[in-house]
Amino acid sequence: RNFIIFILMMKRTGLLLLLSMLLGVSMAQTPAQRIPDFRFIRKTGAAFTRQDLAAGKPVFFVFFDITCEHCRNSMQYLNGHYRELSTAALYLVTMDPGPSAEAFLASVAPQLAKQPNTLLLRDTRQQFITLFRPRKFPSLFLYSSQQQLVLYSDEEKDLPVFLAKIRSAR
C-alpha cells in the first residue's frame, strides 16, 4: 500500500526514474551512442522513424515533459535562439498528449514551434527512455549528420554548449 501511495505522489520526473528502474535501465548507463530505431507519432498521426530524419545536418533531440519547470526554461531558451538552431534538425519528443504538448509549445516557444526544421513528436509507445536512455527531463541529445552522439546533457545550463556545437557543425 505504501508503494502505491508513493507512486501516486511522484511527479512525472520521478516516474521517469521509476520506470527506468523497472525496465532495467541503469541511470548510470550511457545515452545511446547512435540514433536507435524508433517509432514516434507526428501531429498528423503519421509515424515518424529513424529513416525520416533530415539528412546531412546535425540532429538535435529534446525529450521534455510539459509539467517540468526545467523543460519550460529549456524551451524558452531555445525559443530565444531559434535562428542559431536553423542548421540542425530539431525534434521535440514528449510522452504528453498532442494537444497539451502543442499548447505548451505555443505558450513557451512560439517562434521555435513555427520553424521548418522543428518537429514535435509524441512517444506514444514510451520507447524513448529505453532506446535513448535519458536520465531525467529535459534530456538533450545532439547527433552528427552520421547519427553518432556528439553531446548529451540533462541540464538546462548546458544549452549554450549545444548551440556552440551546432554552430561549429555548419
N, C-alpha and C. Protein backbone atom coordinates (compact mmCIF):
# COMPACT_ATOMS: atom_id res chain seq x y z
N ARG A 1 0.83 -1.20 0.00
CA ARG A 1 0.00 0.00 0.00
C ARG A 1 0.87 1.26 0.00
N ASN A 2 1.93 1.27 0.81
CA ASN A 2 2.82 2.43 0.83
C ASN A 2 3.45 2.67 -0.52
N PHE A 3 3.75 1.59 -1.23
CA PHE A 3 4.36 1.72 -2.56
C PHE A 3 3.40 2.41 -3.52
N ILE A 4 2.13 2.06 -3.47
CA ILE A 4 1.13 2.67 -4.35
C ILE A 4 0.97 4.15 -4.02
N ILE A 5 0.94 4.49 -2.75
CA ILE A 5 0.83 5.89 -2.34
C ILE A 5 2.06 6.66 -2.82
N PHE A 6 3.23 6.05 -2.68
CA PHE A 6 4.47 6.67 -3.15
C PHE A 6 4.41 6.98 -4.64
N ILE A 7 3.94 6.04 -5.42
CA ILE A 7 3.85 6.23 -6.87
C ILE A 7 2.87 7.35 -7.20
N LEU A 8 1.74 7.37 -6.53
CA LEU A 8 0.74 8.39 -6.79
C LEU A 8 1.23 9.79 -6.44
N MET A 9 2.15 9.91 -5.49
CA MET A 9 2.64 11.21 -5.07
C MET A 9 3.77 11.73 -5.94
N MET A 10 4.38 10.86 -6.71
CA MET A 10 5.53 11.28 -7.50
C MET A 10 5.09 12.09 -8.71
N LYS A 11 5.91 13.06 -9.10
CA LYS A 11 5.68 13.79 -10.34
C LYS A 11 6.24 12.97 -11.48
N ARG A 12 6.01 13.41 -12.69
CA ARG A 12 6.45 12.67 -13.87
C ARG A 12 7.95 12.45 -13.91
N THR A 13 8.71 13.40 -13.43
CA THR A 13 10.16 13.24 -13.42
C THR A 13 10.54 12.04 -12.56
N GLY A 14 9.88 11.91 -11.43
CA GLY A 14 10.10 10.75 -10.57
C GLY A 14 9.64 9.47 -11.24
N LEU A 15 8.55 9.57 -11.99
CA LEU A 15 8.06 8.39 -12.70
C LEU A 15 9.04 7.95 -13.78
N LEU A 16 9.72 8.89 -14.38
CA LEU A 16 10.74 8.55 -15.37
C LEU A 16 11.83 7.71 -14.72
N LEU A 17 12.27 8.12 -13.55
CA LEU A 17 13.28 7.37 -12.82
C LEU A 17 12.75 5.99 -12.44
N LEU A 18 11.55 5.94 -11.90
CA LEU A 18 10.95 4.67 -11.50
C LEU A 18 10.77 3.75 -12.70
N LEU A 19 10.24 4.28 -13.80
CA LEU A 19 10.05 3.48 -15.00
C LEU A 19 11.39 2.95 -15.51
N SER A 20 12.40 3.78 -15.47
CA SER A 20 13.72 3.34 -15.92
C SER A 20 14.23 2.19 -15.07
N MET A 21 14.02 2.30 -13.76
CA MET A 21 14.48 1.23 -12.87
C MET A 21 13.68 -0.05 -13.11
N LEU A 22 12.37 0.08 -13.27
CA LEU A 22 11.54 -1.09 -13.50
C LEU A 22 11.86 -1.77 -14.82
N LEU A 23 12.26 -0.98 -15.82
CA LEU A 23 12.60 -1.54 -17.12
C LEU A 23 14.05 -2.00 -17.19
N GLY A 24 14.77 -1.83 -16.10
CA GLY A 24 16.15 -2.31 -16.06
C GLY A 24 17.15 -1.36 -16.69
N VAL A 25 16.78 -0.11 -16.86
CA VAL A 25 17.70 0.87 -17.42
C VAL A 25 18.44 1.52 -16.27
N SER A 26 19.73 1.35 -16.24
CA SER A 26 20.54 1.94 -15.19
C SER A 26 20.68 3.43 -15.43
N MET A 27 20.54 4.22 -14.37
CA MET A 27 20.67 5.66 -14.51
C MET A 27 22.12 6.04 -14.80
N ALA A 28 23.06 5.13 -14.53
CA ALA A 28 24.46 5.39 -14.83
C ALA A 28 24.79 4.98 -16.26
N GLN A 29 23.85 4.37 -16.91
CA GLN A 29 24.06 3.90 -18.28
C GLN A 29 24.28 5.08 -19.22
N THR A 30 25.12 4.88 -20.19
CA THR A 30 25.41 5.96 -21.12
C THR A 30 24.26 6.11 -22.11
N PRO A 31 24.04 7.33 -22.58
CA PRO A 31 22.99 7.55 -23.59
C PRO A 31 23.34 6.84 -24.89
N ALA A 32 22.35 6.65 -25.71
CA ALA A 32 22.54 5.95 -27.00
C ALA A 32 23.61 6.66 -27.80
N GLN A 33 24.63 5.94 -28.18
CA GLN A 33 25.77 6.50 -28.90
C GLN A 33 25.47 6.70 -30.39
N ARG A 34 24.45 6.03 -30.85
CA ARG A 34 23.99 6.14 -32.23
C ARG A 34 22.46 6.24 -32.18
N ILE A 35 21.87 6.97 -33.09
CA ILE A 35 20.42 7.10 -33.08
C ILE A 35 19.80 5.71 -33.28
N PRO A 36 19.02 5.25 -32.32
CA PRO A 36 18.42 3.92 -32.44
C PRO A 36 17.19 3.94 -33.35
N ASP A 37 16.74 2.76 -33.73
CA ASP A 37 15.48 2.66 -34.46
C ASP A 37 14.36 3.01 -33.49
N PHE A 38 13.44 3.82 -33.93
CA PHE A 38 12.33 4.25 -33.09
C PHE A 38 11.10 4.46 -33.95
N ARG A 39 9.98 4.65 -33.27
CA ARG A 39 8.73 5.00 -33.95
C ARG A 39 7.98 5.97 -33.05
N PHE A 40 7.95 7.22 -33.48
CA PHE A 40 7.20 8.25 -32.78
C PHE A 40 6.04 8.68 -33.67
N ILE A 41 5.19 9.56 -33.16
CA ILE A 41 4.00 9.99 -33.90
C ILE A 41 4.06 11.50 -34.14
N ARG A 42 3.78 11.89 -35.39
CA ARG A 42 3.72 13.30 -35.76
C ARG A 42 2.37 13.89 -35.34
N LYS A 43 2.25 15.19 -35.43
CA LYS A 43 1.00 15.88 -35.12
C LYS A 43 -0.15 15.34 -35.97
N THR A 44 0.15 14.95 -37.21
CA THR A 44 -0.86 14.44 -38.12
C THR A 44 -1.33 13.03 -37.78
N GLY A 45 -0.61 12.37 -36.88
CA GLY A 45 -0.93 10.99 -36.54
C GLY A 45 -0.08 9.99 -37.31
N ALA A 46 0.69 10.47 -38.27
CA ALA A 46 1.56 9.59 -39.06
C ALA A 46 2.80 9.20 -38.25
N ALA A 47 3.31 8.04 -38.55
CA ALA A 47 4.52 7.56 -37.88
C ALA A 47 5.74 8.35 -38.35
N PHE A 48 6.71 8.44 -37.48
CA PHE A 48 7.99 9.08 -37.78
C PHE A 48 9.07 8.15 -37.25
N THR A 49 9.97 7.72 -38.13
CA THR A 49 11.01 6.76 -37.75
C THR A 49 12.40 7.32 -38.05
N ARG A 50 13.40 6.58 -37.70
CA ARG A 50 14.78 7.00 -37.95
C ARG A 50 15.02 7.29 -39.42
N GLN A 51 14.35 6.55 -40.29
CA GLN A 51 14.51 6.76 -41.73
C GLN A 51 13.96 8.11 -42.19
N ASP A 52 13.11 8.74 -41.37
CA ASP A 52 12.53 10.04 -41.72
C ASP A 52 13.37 11.22 -41.25
N LEU A 53 14.45 10.97 -40.54
CA LEU A 53 15.29 12.06 -40.05
C LEU A 53 15.87 12.86 -41.21
N ALA A 54 16.03 14.15 -41.00
CA ALA A 54 16.64 15.01 -42.00
C ALA A 54 18.07 14.54 -42.26
N ALA A 55 18.45 14.50 -43.49
CA ALA A 55 19.79 14.05 -43.87
C ALA A 55 20.74 15.23 -44.01
N GLY A 56 22.00 14.99 -43.72
CA GLY A 56 23.04 15.97 -43.97
C GLY A 56 23.13 17.11 -42.98
N LYS A 57 22.49 17.00 -41.84
CA LYS A 57 22.58 18.05 -40.83
C LYS A 57 22.59 17.44 -39.44
N PRO A 58 23.08 18.18 -38.45
CA PRO A 58 23.03 17.68 -37.08
C PRO A 58 21.58 17.42 -36.65
N VAL A 59 21.41 16.44 -35.80
CA VAL A 59 20.08 16.05 -35.31
C VAL A 59 20.05 16.32 -33.81
N PHE A 60 19.11 17.15 -33.40
CA PHE A 60 19.00 17.58 -32.00
C PHE A 60 17.66 17.12 -31.45
N PHE A 61 17.70 16.15 -30.52
CA PHE A 61 16.51 15.67 -29.84
C PHE A 61 16.41 16.35 -28.48
N VAL A 62 15.21 16.85 -28.17
CA VAL A 62 14.93 17.39 -26.84
C VAL A 62 13.76 16.58 -26.30
N PHE A 63 14.02 15.79 -25.26
CA PHE A 63 13.00 14.96 -24.62
C PHE A 63 12.47 15.78 -23.43
N PHE A 64 11.17 16.09 -23.46
CA PHE A 64 10.62 17.00 -22.46
C PHE A 64 9.27 16.55 -21.95
N ASP A 65 8.86 17.19 -20.86
CA ASP A 65 7.56 16.96 -20.24
C ASP A 65 6.95 18.33 -19.97
N ILE A 66 5.69 18.49 -20.29
CA ILE A 66 5.06 19.81 -20.17
C ILE A 66 4.89 20.28 -18.73
N THR A 67 4.99 19.38 -17.75
CA THR A 67 4.85 19.78 -16.35
C THR A 67 6.19 20.09 -15.69
N CYS A 68 7.26 19.94 -16.42
CA CYS A 68 8.62 20.11 -15.89
C CYS A 68 9.07 21.56 -16.04
N GLU A 69 9.42 22.19 -14.94
CA GLU A 69 9.86 23.59 -14.97
C GLU A 69 11.18 23.75 -15.73
N HIS A 70 12.08 22.78 -15.59
CA HIS A 70 13.35 22.84 -16.32
C HIS A 70 13.12 22.71 -17.83
N CYS A 71 12.12 21.93 -18.20
CA CYS A 71 11.75 21.79 -19.62
C CYS A 71 11.22 23.11 -20.14
N ARG A 72 10.39 23.76 -19.35
CA ARG A 72 9.84 25.08 -19.72
C ARG A 72 10.98 26.07 -19.95
N ASN A 73 11.92 26.10 -19.01
CA ASN A 73 13.06 27.02 -19.13
C ASN A 73 13.89 26.69 -20.37
N SER A 74 14.08 25.41 -20.63
CA SER A 74 14.87 24.99 -21.80
C SER A 74 14.19 25.40 -23.09
N MET A 75 12.90 25.20 -23.17
CA MET A 75 12.17 25.57 -24.38
C MET A 75 12.18 27.08 -24.59
N GLN A 76 12.05 27.83 -23.51
CA GLN A 76 12.11 29.29 -23.63
C GLN A 76 13.49 29.73 -24.13
N TYR A 77 14.53 29.09 -23.62
CA TYR A 77 15.88 29.41 -24.07
C TYR A 77 16.04 29.10 -25.56
N LEU A 78 15.62 27.90 -25.96
CA LEU A 78 15.73 27.52 -27.36
C LEU A 78 14.90 28.44 -28.24
N ASN A 79 13.75 28.85 -27.76
CA ASN A 79 12.90 29.78 -28.50
C ASN A 79 13.64 31.09 -28.77
N GLY A 80 14.40 31.55 -27.79
CA GLY A 80 15.16 32.78 -27.95
C GLY A 80 16.35 32.65 -28.88
N HIS A 81 16.71 31.43 -29.21
CA HIS A 81 17.88 31.16 -30.06
C HIS A 81 17.50 30.34 -31.29
N TYR A 82 16.25 30.44 -31.71
CA TYR A 82 15.79 29.58 -32.80
C TYR A 82 16.57 29.79 -34.09
N ARG A 83 17.05 30.99 -34.33
CA ARG A 83 17.82 31.24 -35.57
C ARG A 83 19.12 30.45 -35.58
N GLU A 84 19.74 30.32 -34.41
CA GLU A 84 21.00 29.58 -34.31
C GLU A 84 20.79 28.08 -34.50
N LEU A 85 19.57 27.64 -34.33
CA LEU A 85 19.25 26.21 -34.47
C LEU A 85 18.85 25.84 -35.90
N SER A 86 18.81 26.82 -36.78
CA SER A 86 18.27 26.59 -38.13
C SER A 86 19.08 25.60 -38.97
N THR A 87 20.32 25.38 -38.61
CA THR A 87 21.15 24.45 -39.38
C THR A 87 21.03 23.01 -38.89
N ALA A 88 20.27 22.80 -37.83
CA ALA A 88 20.07 21.46 -37.27
C ALA A 88 18.62 21.03 -37.48
N ALA A 89 18.41 19.75 -37.45
CA ALA A 89 17.05 19.20 -37.42
C ALA A 89 16.68 19.05 -35.95
N LEU A 90 15.64 19.73 -35.53
CA LEU A 90 15.24 19.76 -34.12
C LEU A 90 13.98 18.93 -33.92
N TYR A 91 14.08 17.90 -33.07
CA TYR A 91 12.96 17.01 -32.79
C TYR A 91 12.62 17.12 -31.31
N LEU A 92 11.43 17.63 -31.03
CA LEU A 92 10.95 17.79 -29.67
C LEU A 92 10.06 16.59 -29.36
N VAL A 93 10.52 15.75 -28.45
CA VAL A 93 9.84 14.49 -28.18
C VAL A 93 9.23 14.51 -26.78
N THR A 94 7.96 14.12 -26.70
CA THR A 94 7.26 14.10 -25.42
C THR A 94 6.33 12.89 -25.34
N MET A 95 6.03 12.49 -24.12
CA MET A 95 5.03 11.44 -23.89
C MET A 95 3.66 12.05 -23.60
N ASP A 96 3.61 13.38 -23.55
CA ASP A 96 2.36 14.08 -23.27
C ASP A 96 1.41 13.99 -24.46
N PRO A 97 0.10 14.14 -24.23
CA PRO A 97 -0.87 14.14 -25.33
C PRO A 97 -0.59 15.29 -26.30
N GLY A 98 -0.87 15.07 -27.57
CA GLY A 98 -0.60 16.04 -28.62
C GLY A 98 -1.14 17.43 -28.36
N PRO A 99 -2.43 17.60 -28.07
CA PRO A 99 -2.96 18.95 -27.85
C PRO A 99 -2.29 19.67 -26.68
N SER A 100 -1.98 18.96 -25.62
CA SER A 100 -1.31 19.57 -24.47
C SER A 100 0.10 20.00 -24.83
N ALA A 101 0.81 19.15 -25.56
CA ALA A 101 2.19 19.48 -25.97
C ALA A 101 2.19 20.67 -26.94
N GLU A 102 1.23 20.70 -27.85
CA GLU A 102 1.13 21.81 -28.80
C GLU A 102 0.83 23.13 -28.07
N ALA A 103 -0.07 23.08 -27.10
CA ALA A 103 -0.40 24.28 -26.33
C ALA A 103 0.81 24.75 -25.51
N PHE A 104 1.54 23.80 -24.96
CA PHE A 104 2.75 24.11 -24.20
C PHE A 104 3.76 24.85 -25.09
N LEU A 105 4.03 24.30 -26.26
CA LEU A 105 4.98 24.93 -27.17
C LEU A 105 4.49 26.30 -27.65
N ALA A 106 3.21 26.40 -27.93
CA ALA A 106 2.65 27.69 -28.38
C ALA A 106 2.81 28.77 -27.32
N SER A 107 2.78 28.38 -26.05
CA SER A 107 2.89 29.39 -24.99
C SER A 107 4.32 29.68 -24.59
N VAL A 108 5.23 28.69 -24.61
CA VAL A 108 6.59 28.93 -24.13
C VAL A 108 7.63 29.03 -25.25
N ALA A 109 7.32 28.51 -26.42
CA ALA A 109 8.29 28.53 -27.53
C ALA A 109 7.60 28.75 -28.87
N PRO A 110 6.84 29.85 -29.00
CA PRO A 110 6.06 30.06 -30.22
C PRO A 110 6.89 30.20 -31.49
N GLN A 111 8.04 30.86 -31.41
CA GLN A 111 8.90 31.00 -32.59
C GLN A 111 9.52 29.67 -32.99
N LEU A 112 9.97 28.94 -32.00
CA LEU A 112 10.61 27.64 -32.24
C LEU A 112 9.64 26.66 -32.90
N ALA A 113 8.41 26.64 -32.39
CA ALA A 113 7.41 25.71 -32.90
C ALA A 113 7.07 25.94 -34.36
N LYS A 114 7.26 27.16 -34.86
CA LYS A 114 6.91 27.51 -36.24
C LYS A 114 8.02 27.23 -37.25
N GLN A 115 9.17 26.87 -36.79
CA GLN A 115 10.32 26.73 -37.70
C GLN A 115 10.22 25.46 -38.53
N PRO A 116 10.64 25.53 -39.79
CA PRO A 116 10.56 24.36 -40.68
C PRO A 116 11.48 23.22 -40.26
N ASN A 117 12.50 23.52 -39.46
CA ASN A 117 13.43 22.47 -39.02
C ASN A 117 13.02 21.85 -37.69
N THR A 118 11.88 22.29 -37.13
CA THR A 118 11.41 21.80 -35.83
C THR A 118 10.19 20.92 -36.01
N LEU A 119 10.22 19.78 -35.33
CA LEU A 119 9.10 18.84 -35.41
C LEU A 119 8.76 18.33 -34.02
N LEU A 120 7.50 18.46 -33.64
CA LEU A 120 7.00 17.90 -32.38
C LEU A 120 6.63 16.45 -32.62
N LEU A 121 7.16 15.57 -31.79
CA LEU A 121 6.89 14.13 -31.91
C LEU A 121 6.38 13.60 -30.58
N ARG A 122 5.39 12.72 -30.66
CA ARG A 122 4.85 12.09 -29.45
C ARG A 122 5.36 10.67 -29.35
N ASP A 123 5.80 10.34 -28.16
CA ASP A 123 6.30 8.99 -27.86
C ASP A 123 5.16 8.20 -27.24
N THR A 124 4.23 7.76 -28.07
CA THR A 124 3.04 7.06 -27.57
C THR A 124 3.35 5.64 -27.09
N ARG A 125 4.45 5.09 -27.53
CA ARG A 125 4.85 3.74 -27.10
C ARG A 125 5.80 3.77 -25.90
N GLN A 126 6.13 4.95 -25.46
CA GLN A 126 7.04 5.15 -24.33
C GLN A 126 8.34 4.37 -24.52
N GLN A 127 8.94 4.56 -25.69
CA GLN A 127 10.17 3.85 -26.01
C GLN A 127 11.41 4.74 -25.96
N PHE A 128 11.23 6.05 -25.90
CA PHE A 128 12.38 6.95 -25.86
C PHE A 128 13.30 6.59 -24.69
N ILE A 129 12.72 6.33 -23.55
CA ILE A 129 13.50 6.05 -22.34
C ILE A 129 14.39 4.82 -22.52
N THR A 130 13.84 3.75 -23.03
CA THR A 130 14.63 2.53 -23.17
C THR A 130 15.60 2.59 -24.34
N LEU A 131 15.26 3.33 -25.39
CA LEU A 131 16.12 3.37 -26.58
C LEU A 131 17.24 4.42 -26.47
N PHE A 132 16.90 5.62 -26.02
CA PHE A 132 17.88 6.70 -25.95
C PHE A 132 18.58 6.77 -24.59
N ARG A 133 17.95 6.24 -23.56
CA ARG A 133 18.46 6.17 -22.19
C ARG A 133 18.74 7.53 -21.54
N PRO A 134 17.73 8.41 -21.51
CA PRO A 134 17.90 9.68 -20.80
C PRO A 134 17.88 9.43 -19.29
N ARG A 135 18.41 10.40 -18.54
CA ARG A 135 18.40 10.27 -17.08
C ARG A 135 17.23 11.00 -16.46
N LYS A 136 16.84 12.14 -17.05
CA LYS A 136 15.73 12.93 -16.49
C LYS A 136 15.28 13.93 -17.54
N PHE A 137 14.25 14.69 -17.20
CA PHE A 137 13.76 15.76 -18.07
C PHE A 137 14.47 17.06 -17.72
N PRO A 138 14.74 17.92 -18.65
CA PRO A 138 14.78 17.61 -20.08
C PRO A 138 16.07 16.87 -20.40
N SER A 139 16.05 16.08 -21.43
CA SER A 139 17.26 15.41 -21.90
C SER A 139 17.54 15.90 -23.32
N LEU A 140 18.77 16.25 -23.53
CA LEU A 140 19.21 16.87 -24.79
C LEU A 140 20.23 15.94 -25.45
N PHE A 141 19.97 15.58 -26.69
CA PHE A 141 20.84 14.69 -27.44
C PHE A 141 21.19 15.37 -28.76
N LEU A 142 22.45 15.60 -29.01
CA LEU A 142 22.89 16.14 -30.29
C LEU A 142 23.67 15.05 -31.00
N TYR A 143 23.19 14.70 -32.19
CA TYR A 143 23.84 13.68 -33.02
C TYR A 143 24.38 14.34 -34.28
N SER A 144 25.45 13.80 -34.80
CA SER A 144 26.03 14.29 -36.05
C SER A 144 25.12 13.90 -37.21
N SER A 145 25.44 14.41 -38.38
CA SER A 145 24.68 14.04 -39.57
C SER A 145 24.86 12.55 -39.90
N GLN A 146 25.89 11.93 -39.32
CA GLN A 146 26.10 10.49 -39.48
C GLN A 146 25.43 9.69 -38.35
N GLN A 147 24.61 10.38 -37.54
CA GLN A 147 23.80 9.80 -36.48
C GLN A 147 24.61 9.26 -35.30
N GLN A 148 25.79 9.84 -35.08
CA GLN A 148 26.64 9.50 -33.93
C GLN A 148 26.46 10.56 -32.85
N LEU A 149 26.42 10.14 -31.60
CA LEU A 149 26.24 11.09 -30.50
C LEU A 149 27.43 12.04 -30.42
N VAL A 150 27.12 13.32 -30.39
CA VAL A 150 28.12 14.36 -30.24
C VAL A 150 28.11 14.87 -28.81
N LEU A 151 26.90 15.05 -28.26
CA LEU A 151 26.76 15.65 -26.94
C LEU A 151 25.44 15.23 -26.31
N TYR A 152 25.49 14.93 -25.02
CA TYR A 152 24.29 14.63 -24.24
C TYR A 152 24.34 15.42 -22.95
N SER A 153 23.19 15.91 -22.52
CA SER A 153 23.07 16.53 -21.21
C SER A 153 21.62 16.49 -20.77
N ASP A 154 21.43 16.53 -19.47
CA ASP A 154 20.08 16.67 -18.92
C ASP A 154 20.02 17.89 -18.00
N GLU A 155 20.90 18.84 -18.31
CA GLU A 155 20.96 20.08 -17.54
C GLU A 155 20.68 21.26 -18.47
N GLU A 156 19.69 22.06 -18.13
CA GLU A 156 19.36 23.21 -18.97
C GLU A 156 20.51 24.21 -19.06
N LYS A 157 21.37 24.24 -18.07
CA LYS A 157 22.51 25.16 -18.09
C LYS A 157 23.50 24.84 -19.21
N ASP A 158 23.41 23.64 -19.79
CA ASP A 158 24.31 23.23 -20.87
C ASP A 158 23.82 23.62 -22.26
N LEU A 159 22.68 24.26 -22.36
CA LEU A 159 22.14 24.64 -23.67
C LEU A 159 23.10 25.49 -24.50
N PRO A 160 23.82 26.45 -23.91
CA PRO A 160 24.77 27.21 -24.73
C PRO A 160 25.85 26.32 -25.39
N VAL A 161 26.23 25.25 -24.73
CA VAL A 161 27.22 24.33 -25.30
C VAL A 161 26.64 23.64 -26.53
N PHE A 162 25.36 23.29 -26.47
CA PHE A 162 24.70 22.68 -27.63
C PHE A 162 24.65 23.66 -28.80
N LEU A 163 24.31 24.91 -28.51
CA LEU A 163 24.28 25.92 -29.57
C LEU A 163 25.66 26.09 -30.21
N ALA A 164 26.69 26.10 -29.38
CA ALA A 164 28.05 26.24 -29.91
C ALA A 164 28.42 25.06 -30.79
N LYS A 165 28.03 23.86 -30.40
CA LYS A 165 28.32 22.66 -31.21
C LYS A 165 27.57 22.71 -32.54
N ILE A 166 26.34 23.17 -32.49
CA ILE A 166 25.53 23.27 -33.71
C ILE A 166 26.14 24.33 -34.64
N ARG A 167 26.54 25.45 -34.08
CA ARG A 167 27.19 26.50 -34.89
C ARG A 167 28.47 25.98 -35.53
N SER A 168 29.25 25.21 -34.81
CA SER A 168 30.53 24.72 -35.34
C SER A 168 30.35 23.62 -36.38
N ALA A 169 29.17 23.04 -36.44
CA ALA A 169 28.91 21.96 -37.41
C ALA A 169 28.50 22.52 -38.78
N ARG A 170 28.37 23.82 -38.90
CA ARG A 170 27.92 24.44 -40.16
C ARG A 170 28.89 24.19 -41.28
